[in-house]
Amino acid sequence: MTKQTKTLIAIVVFGAFLAIVYWGYTALSQNFKPQTPAANNNGQTEELQTAPDFTVFDQDGNPVKLSDFAGKPVVLNFWASWCPPCKSEMPHFNTVYRDQKDAVIFLMIDQTDGQRETKEKGLQYVADQGFAFPVYFDTQLEASSAYGISSIPTTLFINPEGKIVTGYRGAIDEATLRSGIEAIKN
Protein backbone atom coordinates (compact mmCIF):
# COMPACT_ATOMS: atom_id res chain seq x y z
CA MET A 1 0.00 0.00 0.00
CA THR A 2 1.43 3.40 -0.96
CA LYS A 3 1.84 6.32 1.37
CA GLN A 4 -0.81 8.28 -0.55
CA THR A 5 -3.32 5.45 -0.17
CA LYS A 6 -2.64 5.24 3.58
CA THR A 7 -3.09 9.00 3.90
CA LEU A 8 -6.35 8.90 1.95
CA ILE A 9 -7.68 6.07 4.12
CA ALA A 10 -6.71 7.97 7.27
CA ILE A 11 -8.55 11.07 6.05
CA VAL A 12 -11.68 9.08 5.19
CA VAL A 13 -11.64 7.29 8.57
CA PHE A 14 -11.14 10.58 10.41
CA GLY A 15 -13.98 12.20 8.43
CA ALA A 16 -16.26 9.26 9.27
CA PHE A 17 -15.30 9.60 12.93
CA LEU A 18 -16.18 13.31 12.92
CA ALA A 19 -19.51 12.57 11.23
CA ILE A 20 -20.37 9.97 13.88
CA VAL A 21 -19.41 12.32 16.71
CA TYR A 22 -21.52 15.11 15.19
CA TRP A 23 -24.49 12.78 14.68
CA GLY A 24 -24.15 11.44 18.25
CA TYR A 25 -23.99 14.92 19.77
CA THR A 26 -26.98 16.08 17.73
CA ALA A 27 -29.04 13.01 18.60
CA LEU A 28 -28.20 13.20 22.30
CA SER A 29 -28.81 16.93 22.60
CA GLN A 30 -32.25 16.52 20.99
CA ASN A 31 -33.11 13.91 23.63
CA PHE A 32 -32.50 16.35 26.45
CA LYS A 33 -35.39 18.74 26.08
CA PRO A 34 -36.49 21.14 28.81
CA GLN A 35 -37.81 19.52 31.94
CA THR A 36 -41.28 20.92 32.41
CA PRO A 37 -44.17 19.77 34.54
CA ALA A 38 -46.26 17.13 32.78
CA ALA A 39 -50.01 17.44 32.31
CA ASN A 40 -52.05 14.65 33.84
CA ASN A 41 -55.07 12.98 32.20
CA ASN A 42 -57.39 15.76 33.40
CA GLY A 43 -55.33 18.37 31.58
CA GLN A 44 -54.06 19.80 34.87
CA THR A 45 -50.38 20.43 35.35
CA GLU A 46 -48.63 18.36 37.99
CA GLU A 47 -47.05 20.16 40.91
CA LEU A 48 -43.54 21.53 40.39
CA GLN A 49 -40.68 19.82 42.20
CA THR A 50 -39.15 21.66 45.15
CA ALA A 51 -35.49 22.52 44.56
CA PRO A 52 -33.28 20.62 47.04
CA ASP A 53 -31.11 22.77 49.28
CA PHE A 54 -27.32 22.39 49.19
CA THR A 55 -24.14 24.08 50.32
CA VAL A 56 -21.38 25.27 47.99
CA PHE A 57 -18.52 27.68 48.63
CA ASP A 58 -17.67 31.12 47.28
CA GLN A 59 -14.14 31.98 46.12
CA ASP A 60 -13.17 32.93 49.68
CA GLY A 61 -14.30 29.56 51.05
CA ASN A 62 -17.47 30.87 52.68
CA PRO A 63 -20.45 28.48 52.61
CA VAL A 64 -23.40 29.52 50.46
CA LYS A 65 -26.75 27.70 50.48
CA LEU A 66 -29.49 27.76 47.89
CA SER A 67 -31.87 28.58 50.76
CA ASP A 68 -29.92 31.84 51.29
CA PHE A 69 -31.75 33.10 48.19
CA ALA A 70 -35.28 32.07 49.22
CA GLY A 71 -37.93 34.30 47.68
CA LYS A 72 -35.81 35.16 44.64
CA PRO A 73 -35.68 33.60 41.16
CA VAL A 74 -32.52 31.53 40.66
CA VAL A 75 -30.64 30.33 37.60
CA LEU A 76 -28.64 27.29 38.69
CA ASN A 77 -25.88 26.22 36.29
CA PHE A 78 -23.48 23.30 36.73
CA TRP A 79 -20.24 23.55 34.73
CA ALA A 80 -16.47 22.96 34.68
CA SER A 81 -13.62 24.74 32.90
CA TRP A 82 -12.55 21.60 30.99
CA CYS A 83 -16.01 21.15 29.42
CA PRO A 84 -16.29 22.50 25.81
CA PRO A 85 -20.13 22.82 25.84
CA CYS A 86 -19.87 24.66 29.18
CA LYS A 87 -17.36 27.07 27.67
CA SER A 88 -19.61 27.65 24.66
CA GLU A 89 -22.53 28.83 26.81
CA MET A 90 -20.58 30.94 29.31
CA PRO A 91 -20.52 34.13 27.18
CA HIS A 92 -24.35 33.93 26.98
CA PHE A 93 -24.56 33.64 30.75
CA ASN A 94 -22.22 36.59 31.16
CA THR A 95 -24.27 38.78 28.81
CA VAL A 96 -27.57 37.90 30.48
CA TYR A 97 -26.05 38.18 33.97
CA ARG A 98 -24.96 41.75 33.26
CA ASP A 99 -28.53 42.55 32.13
CA GLN A 100 -30.48 40.60 34.79
CA LYS A 101 -28.23 40.53 37.88
CA ASP A 102 -30.55 42.78 39.88
CA ALA A 103 -33.64 40.68 39.12
CA VAL A 104 -32.28 37.12 39.20
CA ILE A 105 -29.72 35.21 41.25
CA PHE A 106 -27.12 33.36 39.16
CA LEU A 107 -25.56 30.38 40.90
CA MET A 108 -22.77 29.27 38.58
CA ILE A 109 -21.66 26.03 40.25
CA ASP A 110 -18.21 24.80 39.26
CA GLN A 111 -18.05 21.02 39.76
CA THR A 112 -14.70 20.87 41.51
CA ASP A 113 -13.70 17.26 42.09
CA GLY A 114 -10.16 18.28 43.09
CA GLN A 115 -8.58 16.41 40.20
CA ARG A 116 -9.87 17.20 36.74
CA GLU A 117 -11.43 20.44 38.01
CA THR A 118 -10.04 22.51 40.86
CA LYS A 119 -11.09 25.80 42.35
CA GLU A 120 -7.91 27.35 40.94
CA LYS A 121 -8.64 26.13 37.40
CA GLY A 122 -12.21 27.44 37.60
CA LEU A 123 -11.16 30.83 38.93
CA GLN A 124 -8.40 31.14 36.32
CA TYR A 125 -10.80 30.34 33.48
CA VAL A 126 -13.38 32.89 34.68
CA ALA A 127 -10.66 35.55 35.15
CA ASP A 128 -9.10 34.85 31.73
CA GLN A 129 -12.48 35.24 30.04
CA GLY A 130 -13.43 38.37 32.02
CA PHE A 131 -16.76 36.96 33.19
CA ALA A 132 -18.63 39.11 35.71
CA PHE A 133 -20.92 36.52 37.28
CA PRO A 134 -20.08 35.05 40.68
CA VAL A 135 -18.78 31.48 40.75
CA TYR A 136 -19.44 28.95 43.50
CA PHE A 137 -17.51 25.75 44.07
CA ASP A 138 -19.10 22.36 44.66
CA THR A 139 -15.98 20.98 46.35
CA GLN A 140 -17.87 18.20 48.12
CA LEU A 141 -20.18 17.60 45.12
CA GLU A 142 -23.15 18.11 47.46
CA ALA A 143 -25.10 20.23 44.98
CA SER A 144 -24.35 17.87 42.11
CA SER A 145 -25.54 14.92 44.18
CA ALA A 146 -28.68 16.72 45.36
CA TYR A 147 -29.71 17.30 41.74
CA GLY A 148 -28.40 14.03 40.30
CA ILE A 149 -26.15 15.85 37.85
CA SER A 150 -24.71 13.24 35.51
CA SER A 151 -23.68 15.54 32.66
CA ILE A 152 -22.61 19.13 32.32
CA PRO A 153 -23.57 21.72 31.54
CA THR A 154 -26.95 21.47 33.22
CA THR A 155 -29.08 24.53 33.91
CA LEU A 156 -32.15 24.71 36.15
CA PHE A 157 -34.57 27.60 36.60
CA ILE A 158 -36.02 27.96 40.12
CA ASN A 159 -38.90 30.31 40.87
CA PRO A 160 -39.15 32.52 44.02
CA GLU A 161 -41.24 29.80 45.70
CA GLY A 162 -38.27 27.43 45.44
CA LYS A 163 -39.79 25.24 42.72
CA ILE A 164 -37.92 23.98 39.65
CA VAL A 165 -39.83 25.42 36.68
CA THR A 166 -37.67 24.09 33.85
CA GLY A 167 -34.18 22.88 33.08
CA TYR A 168 -31.79 21.86 30.32
CA ARG A 169 -28.99 19.36 29.91
CA GLY A 170 -26.38 20.55 27.47
CA ALA A 171 -25.31 23.99 26.36
CA ILE A 172 -27.99 26.64 25.97
CA ASP A 173 -27.99 29.87 24.02
CA GLU A 174 -28.93 33.39 25.08
CA ALA A 175 -32.53 33.14 23.85
CA THR A 176 -33.11 29.93 25.82
CA LEU A 177 -31.54 31.46 28.91
CA ARG A 178 -33.72 34.55 28.67
CA SER A 179 -36.82 32.41 28.11
CA GLY A 180 -36.06 30.37 31.24
CA ILE A 181 -35.58 33.53 33.25
CA GLU A 182 -38.92 34.91 32.10
CA ALA A 183 -40.56 31.69 33.31
CA ILE A 184 -39.26 32.25 36.87
CA LYS A 185 -39.47 36.03 37.29
CA ASN A 186 -43.18 36.21 38.15
C-alpha atoms as a PDB file:
ATOM      1  CA  MET A   1       0.000   0.000   0.000  1.00  0.00           C
ATOM      2  CA  THR A   2       1.428   3.398  -0.963  1.00  0.00           C
ATOM      3  CA  LYS A   3       1.844   6.321   1.374  1.00  0.00           C
ATOM      4  CA  GLN A   4      -0.810   8.282  -0.550  1.00  0.00           C
ATOM      5  CA  THR A   5      -3.321   5.447  -0.166  1.00  0.00           C
ATOM      6  CA  LYS A   6      -2.644   5.243   3.581  1.00  0.00           C
ATOM      7  CA  THR A   7      -3.087   8.996   3.895  1.00  0.00           C
ATOM      8  CA  LEU A   8      -6.352   8.898   1.948  1.00  0.00           C
ATOM      9  CA  ILE A   9      -7.684   6.067   4.124  1.00  0.00           C
ATOM     10  CA  ALA A  10      -6.714   7.971   7.271  1.00  0.00           C
ATOM     11  CA  ILE A  11      -8.550  11.071   6.045  1.00  0.00           C
ATOM     12  CA  VAL A  12     -11.676   9.081   5.191  1.00  0.00           C
ATOM     13  CA  VAL A  13     -11.636   7.295   8.569  1.00  0.00           C
ATOM     14  CA  PHE A  14     -11.139  10.584  10.409  1.00  0.00           C
ATOM     15  CA  GLY A  15     -13.982  12.198   8.426  1.00  0.00           C
ATOM     16  CA  ALA A  16     -16.257   9.262   9.274  1.00  0.00           C
ATOM     17  CA  PHE A  17     -15.296   9.601  12.929  1.00  0.00           C
ATOM     18  CA  LEU A  18     -16.180  13.308  12.916  1.00  0.00           C
ATOM     19  CA  ALA A  19     -19.515  12.568  11.229  1.00  0.00           C
ATOM     20  CA  ILE A  20     -20.365   9.971  13.881  1.00  0.00           C
ATOM     21  CA  VAL A  21     -19.411  12.321  16.713  1.00  0.00           C
ATOM     22  CA  TYR A  22     -21.521  15.110  15.193  1.00  0.00           C
ATOM     23  CA  TRP A  23     -24.485  12.778  14.685  1.00  0.00           C
ATOM     24  CA  GLY A  24     -24.153  11.440  18.253  1.00  0.00           C
ATOM     25  CA  TYR A  25     -23.988  14.916  19.774  1.00  0.00           C
ATOM     26  CA  THR A  26     -26.978  16.080  17.730  1.00  0.00           C
ATOM     27  CA  ALA A  27     -29.041  13.006  18.602  1.00  0.00           C
ATOM     28  CA  LEU A  28     -28.204  13.203  22.295  1.00  0.00           C
ATOM     29  CA  SER A  29     -28.813  16.932  22.595  1.00  0.00           C
ATOM     30  CA  GLN A  30     -32.248  16.516  20.993  1.00  0.00           C
ATOM     31  CA  ASN A  31     -33.106  13.908  23.626  1.00  0.00           C
ATOM     32  CA  PHE A  32     -32.502  16.350  26.448  1.00  0.00           C
ATOM     33  CA  LYS A  33     -35.391  18.736  26.084  1.00  0.00           C
ATOM     34  CA  PRO A  34     -36.487  21.140  28.812  1.00  0.00           C
ATOM     35  CA  GLN A  35     -37.810  19.516  31.939  1.00  0.00           C
ATOM     36  CA  THR A  36     -41.275  20.924  32.406  1.00  0.00           C
ATOM     37  CA  PRO A  37     -44.175  19.774  34.537  1.00  0.00           C
ATOM     38  CA  ALA A  38     -46.258  17.132  32.778  1.00  0.00           C
ATOM     39  CA  ALA A  39     -50.005  17.437  32.311  1.00  0.00           C
ATOM     40  CA  ASN A  40     -52.053  14.649  33.843  1.00  0.00           C
ATOM     41  CA  ASN A  41     -55.070  12.981  32.197  1.00  0.00           C
ATOM     42  CA  ASN A  42     -57.390  15.755  33.401  1.00  0.00           C
ATOM     43  CA  GLY A  43     -55.332  18.373  31.583  1.00  0.00           C
ATOM     44  CA  GLN A  44     -54.056  19.801  34.874  1.00  0.00           C
ATOM     45  CA  THR A  45     -50.375  20.432  35.351  1.00  0.00           C
ATOM     46  CA  GLU A  46     -48.629  18.358  37.990  1.00  0.00           C
ATOM     47  CA  GLU A  47     -47.053  20.157  40.913  1.00  0.00           C
ATOM     48  CA  LEU A  48     -43.542  21.534  40.390  1.00  0.00           C
ATOM     49  CA  GLN A  49     -40.679  19.822  42.203  1.00  0.00           C
ATOM     50  CA  THR A  50     -39.149  21.659  45.151  1.00  0.00           C
ATOM     51  CA  ALA A  51     -35.491  22.520  44.556  1.00  0.00           C
ATOM     52  CA  PRO A  52     -33.283  20.617  47.040  1.00  0.00           C
ATOM     53  CA  ASP A  53     -31.112  22.773  49.275  1.00  0.00           C
ATOM     54  CA  PHE A  54     -27.324  22.392  49.188  1.00  0.00           C
ATOM     55  CA  THR A  55     -24.140  24.077  50.316  1.00  0.00           C
ATOM     56  CA  VAL A  56     -21.380  25.271  47.992  1.00  0.00           C
ATOM     57  CA  PHE A  57     -18.522  27.684  48.632  1.00  0.00           C
ATOM     58  CA  ASP A  58     -17.667  31.118  47.278  1.00  0.00           C
ATOM     59  CA  GLN A  59     -14.141  31.976  46.123  1.00  0.00           C
ATOM     60  CA  ASP A  60     -13.172  32.934  49.681  1.00  0.00           C
ATOM     61  CA  GLY A  61     -14.296  29.564  51.050  1.00  0.00           C
ATOM     62  CA  ASN A  62     -17.474  30.871  52.680  1.00  0.00           C
ATOM     63  CA  PRO A  63     -20.447  28.482  52.613  1.00  0.00           C
ATOM     64  CA  VAL A  64     -23.401  29.517  50.461  1.00  0.00           C
ATOM     65  CA  LYS A  65     -26.749  27.698  50.475  1.00  0.00           C
ATOM     66  CA  LEU A  66     -29.495  27.761  47.895  1.00  0.00           C
ATOM     67  CA  SER A  67     -31.873  28.585  50.758  1.00  0.00           C
ATOM     68  CA  ASP A  68     -29.916  31.842  51.293  1.00  0.00           C
ATOM     69  CA  PHE A  69     -31.747  33.097  48.195  1.00  0.00           C
ATOM     70  CA  ALA A  70     -35.283  32.069  49.222  1.00  0.00           C
ATOM     71  CA  GLY A  71     -37.934  34.303  47.681  1.00  0.00           C
ATOM     72  CA  LYS A  72     -35.806  35.159  44.639  1.00  0.00           C
ATOM     73  CA  PRO A  73     -35.682  33.596  41.164  1.00  0.00           C
ATOM     74  CA  VAL A  74     -32.521  31.531  40.665  1.00  0.00           C
ATOM     75  CA  VAL A  75     -30.641  30.331  37.598  1.00  0.00           C
ATOM     76  CA  LEU A  76     -28.640  27.289  38.689  1.00  0.00           C
ATOM     77  CA  ASN A  77     -25.884  26.221  36.286  1.00  0.00           C
ATOM     78  CA  PHE A  78     -23.477  23.303  36.732  1.00  0.00           C
ATOM     79  CA  TRP A  79     -20.244  23.553  34.729  1.00  0.00           C
ATOM     80  CA  ALA A  80     -16.474  22.957  34.678  1.00  0.00           C
ATOM     81  CA  SER A  81     -13.619  24.742  32.905  1.00  0.00           C
ATOM     82  CA  TRP A  82     -12.551  21.596  30.992  1.00  0.00           C
ATOM     83  CA  CYS A  83     -16.015  21.151  29.424  1.00  0.00           C
ATOM     84  CA  PRO A  84     -16.291  22.501  25.815  1.00  0.00           C
ATOM     85  CA  PRO A  85     -20.128  22.822  25.838  1.00  0.00           C
ATOM     86  CA  CYS A  86     -19.871  24.663  29.179  1.00  0.00           C
ATOM     87  CA  LYS A  87     -17.359  27.067  27.668  1.00  0.00           C
ATOM     88  CA  SER A  88     -19.610  27.653  24.660  1.00  0.00           C
ATOM     89  CA  GLU A  89     -22.526  28.831  26.806  1.00  0.00           C
ATOM     90  CA  MET A  90     -20.578  30.944  29.305  1.00  0.00           C
ATOM     91  CA  PRO A  91     -20.519  34.127  27.176  1.00  0.00           C
ATOM     92  CA  HIS A  92     -24.348  33.931  26.978  1.00  0.00           C
ATOM     93  CA  PHE A  93     -24.556  33.635  30.752  1.00  0.00           C
ATOM     94  CA  ASN A  94     -22.216  36.592  31.163  1.00  0.00           C
ATOM     95  CA  THR A  95     -24.272  38.781  28.812  1.00  0.00           C
ATOM     96  CA  VAL A  96     -27.569  37.896  30.480  1.00  0.00           C
ATOM     97  CA  TYR A  97     -26.052  38.179  33.967  1.00  0.00           C
ATOM     98  CA  ARG A  98     -24.964  41.755  33.257  1.00  0.00           C
ATOM     99  CA  ASP A  99     -28.526  42.551  32.134  1.00  0.00           C
ATOM    100  CA  GLN A 100     -30.476  40.603  34.791  1.00  0.00           C
ATOM    101  CA  LYS A 101     -28.228  40.527  37.879  1.00  0.00           C
ATOM    102  CA  ASP A 102     -30.554  42.784  39.883  1.00  0.00           C
ATOM    103  CA  ALA A 103     -33.644  40.678  39.121  1.00  0.00           C
ATOM    104  CA  VAL A 104     -32.283  37.119  39.199  1.00  0.00           C
ATOM    105  CA  ILE A 105     -29.716  35.205  41.246  1.00  0.00           C
ATOM    106  CA  PHE A 106     -27.118  33.361  39.158  1.00  0.00           C
ATOM    107  CA  LEU A 107     -25.556  30.376  40.904  1.00  0.00           C
ATOM    108  CA  MET A 108     -22.765  29.275  38.584  1.00  0.00           C
ATOM    109  CA  ILE A 109     -21.661  26.034  40.251  1.00  0.00           C
ATOM    110  CA  ASP A 110     -18.213  24.796  39.264  1.00  0.00           C
ATOM    111  CA  GLN A 111     -18.051  21.019  39.764  1.00  0.00           C
ATOM    112  CA  THR A 112     -14.699  20.865  41.509  1.00  0.00           C
ATOM    113  CA  ASP A 113     -13.695  17.261  42.087  1.00  0.00           C
ATOM    114  CA  GLY A 114     -10.165  18.275  43.091  1.00  0.00           C
ATOM    115  CA  GLN A 115      -8.575  16.407  40.203  1.00  0.00           C
ATOM    116  CA  ARG A 116      -9.871  17.204  36.745  1.00  0.00           C
ATOM    117  CA  GLU A 117     -11.426  20.438  38.012  1.00  0.00           C
ATOM    118  CA  THR A 118     -10.042  22.508  40.859  1.00  0.00           C
ATOM    119  CA  LYS A 119     -11.090  25.804  42.351  1.00  0.00           C
ATOM    120  CA  GLU A 120      -7.905  27.353  40.941  1.00  0.00           C
ATOM    121  CA  LYS A 121      -8.638  26.131  37.400  1.00  0.00           C
ATOM    122  CA  GLY A 122     -12.213  27.439  37.596  1.00  0.00           C
ATOM    123  CA  LEU A 123     -11.156  30.834  38.930  1.00  0.00           C
ATOM    124  CA  GLN A 124      -8.403  31.141  36.322  1.00  0.00           C
ATOM    125  CA  TYR A 125     -10.800  30.336  33.480  1.00  0.00           C
ATOM    126  CA  VAL A 126     -13.375  32.891  34.678  1.00  0.00           C
ATOM    127  CA  ALA A 127     -10.664  35.553  35.148  1.00  0.00           C
ATOM    128  CA  ASP A 128      -9.096  34.853  31.735  1.00  0.00           C
ATOM    129  CA  GLN A 129     -12.481  35.243  30.042  1.00  0.00           C
ATOM    130  CA  GLY A 130     -13.428  38.368  32.020  1.00  0.00           C
ATOM    131  CA  PHE A 131     -16.761  36.963  33.189  1.00  0.00           C
ATOM    132  CA  ALA A 132     -18.626  39.114  35.712  1.00  0.00           C
ATOM    133  CA  PHE A 133     -20.923  36.522  37.277  1.00  0.00           C
ATOM    134  CA  PRO A 134     -20.084  35.050  40.677  1.00  0.00           C
ATOM    135  CA  VAL A 135     -18.783  31.482  40.754  1.00  0.00           C
ATOM    136  CA  TYR A 136     -19.437  28.951  43.503  1.00  0.00           C
ATOM    137  CA  PHE A 137     -17.513  25.746  44.065  1.00  0.00           C
ATOM    138  CA  ASP A 138     -19.098  22.362  44.658  1.00  0.00           C
ATOM    139  CA  THR A 139     -15.978  20.983  46.349  1.00  0.00           C
ATOM    140  CA  GLN A 140     -17.869  18.202  48.119  1.00  0.00           C
ATOM    141  CA  LEU A 141     -20.183  17.600  45.120  1.00  0.00           C
ATOM    142  CA  GLU A 142     -23.147  18.109  47.462  1.00  0.00           C
ATOM    143  CA  ALA A 143     -25.102  20.230  44.982  1.00  0.00           C
ATOM    144  CA  SER A 144     -24.346  17.872  42.105  1.00  0.00           C
ATOM    145  CA  SER A 145     -25.537  14.918  44.176  1.00  0.00           C
ATOM    146  CA  ALA A 146     -28.680  16.722  45.358  1.00  0.00           C
ATOM    147  CA  TYR A 147     -29.714  17.297  41.736  1.00  0.00           C
ATOM    148  CA  GLY A 148     -28.404  14.035  40.302  1.00  0.00           C
ATOM    149  CA  ILE A 149     -26.153  15.850  37.853  1.00  0.00           C
ATOM    150  CA  SER A 150     -24.710  13.240  35.507  1.00  0.00           C
ATOM    151  CA  SER A 151     -23.681  15.536  32.657  1.00  0.00           C
ATOM    152  CA  ILE A 152     -22.615  19.127  32.316  1.00  0.00           C
ATOM    153  CA  PRO A 153     -23.570  21.724  31.537  1.00  0.00           C
ATOM    154  CA  THR A 154     -26.947  21.471  33.223  1.00  0.00           C
ATOM    155  CA  THR A 155     -29.085  24.527  33.905  1.00  0.00           C
ATOM    156  CA  LEU A 156     -32.153  24.714  36.146  1.00  0.00           C
ATOM    157  CA  PHE A 157     -34.569  27.596  36.600  1.00  0.00           C
ATOM    158  CA  ILE A 158     -36.016  27.961  40.116  1.00  0.00           C
ATOM    159  CA  ASN A 159     -38.903  30.310  40.873  1.00  0.00           C
ATOM    160  CA  PRO A 160     -39.149  32.520  44.015  1.00  0.00           C
ATOM    161  CA  GLU A 161     -41.242  29.804  45.702  1.00  0.00           C
ATOM    162  CA  GLY A 162     -38.269  27.431  45.439  1.00  0.00           C
ATOM    163  CA  LYS A 163     -39.794  25.236  42.717  1.00  0.00           C
ATOM    164  CA  ILE A 164     -37.920  23.984  39.648  1.00  0.00           C
ATOM    165  CA  VAL A 165     -39.826  25.424  36.677  1.00  0.00           C
ATOM    166  CA  THR A 166     -37.670  24.090  33.848  1.00  0.00           C
ATOM    167  CA  GLY A 167     -34.176  22.877  33.080  1.00  0.00           C
ATOM    168  CA  TYR A 168     -31.794  21.859  30.316  1.00  0.00           C
ATOM    169  CA  ARG A 169     -28.988  19.355  29.914  1.00  0.00           C
ATOM    170  CA  GLY A 170     -26.383  20.548  27.466  1.00  0.00           C
ATOM    171  CA  ALA A 171     -25.309  23.991  26.355  1.00  0.00           C
ATOM    172  CA  ILE A 172     -27.994  26.640  25.969  1.00  0.00           C
ATOM    173  CA  ASP A 173     -27.993  29.871  24.019  1.00  0.00           C
ATOM    174  CA  GLU A 174     -28.931  33.392  25.081  1.00  0.00           C
ATOM    175  CA  ALA A 175     -32.528  33.141  23.855  1.00  0.00           C
ATOM    176  CA  THR A 176     -33.107  29.930  25.824  1.00  0.00           C
ATOM    177  CA  LEU A 177     -31.537  31.463  28.914  1.00  0.00           C
ATOM    178  CA  ARG A 178     -33.723  34.551  28.667  1.00  0.00           C
ATOM    179  CA  SER A 179     -36.819  32.405  28.113  1.00  0.00           C
ATOM    180  CA  GLY A 180     -36.056  30.368  31.236  1.00  0.00           C
ATOM    181  CA  ILE A 181     -35.579  33.529  33.248  1.00  0.00           C
ATOM    182  CA  GLU A 182     -38.925  34.911  32.103  1.00  0.00           C
ATOM    183  CA  ALA A 183     -40.562  31.693  33.306  1.00  0.00           C
ATOM    184  CA  ILE A 184     -39.258  32.251  36.870  1.00  0.00           C
ATOM    185  CA  LYS A 185     -39.469  36.031  37.287  1.00  0.00           C
ATOM    186  CA  ASN A 186     -43.183  36.212  38.145  1.00  0.00           C
END
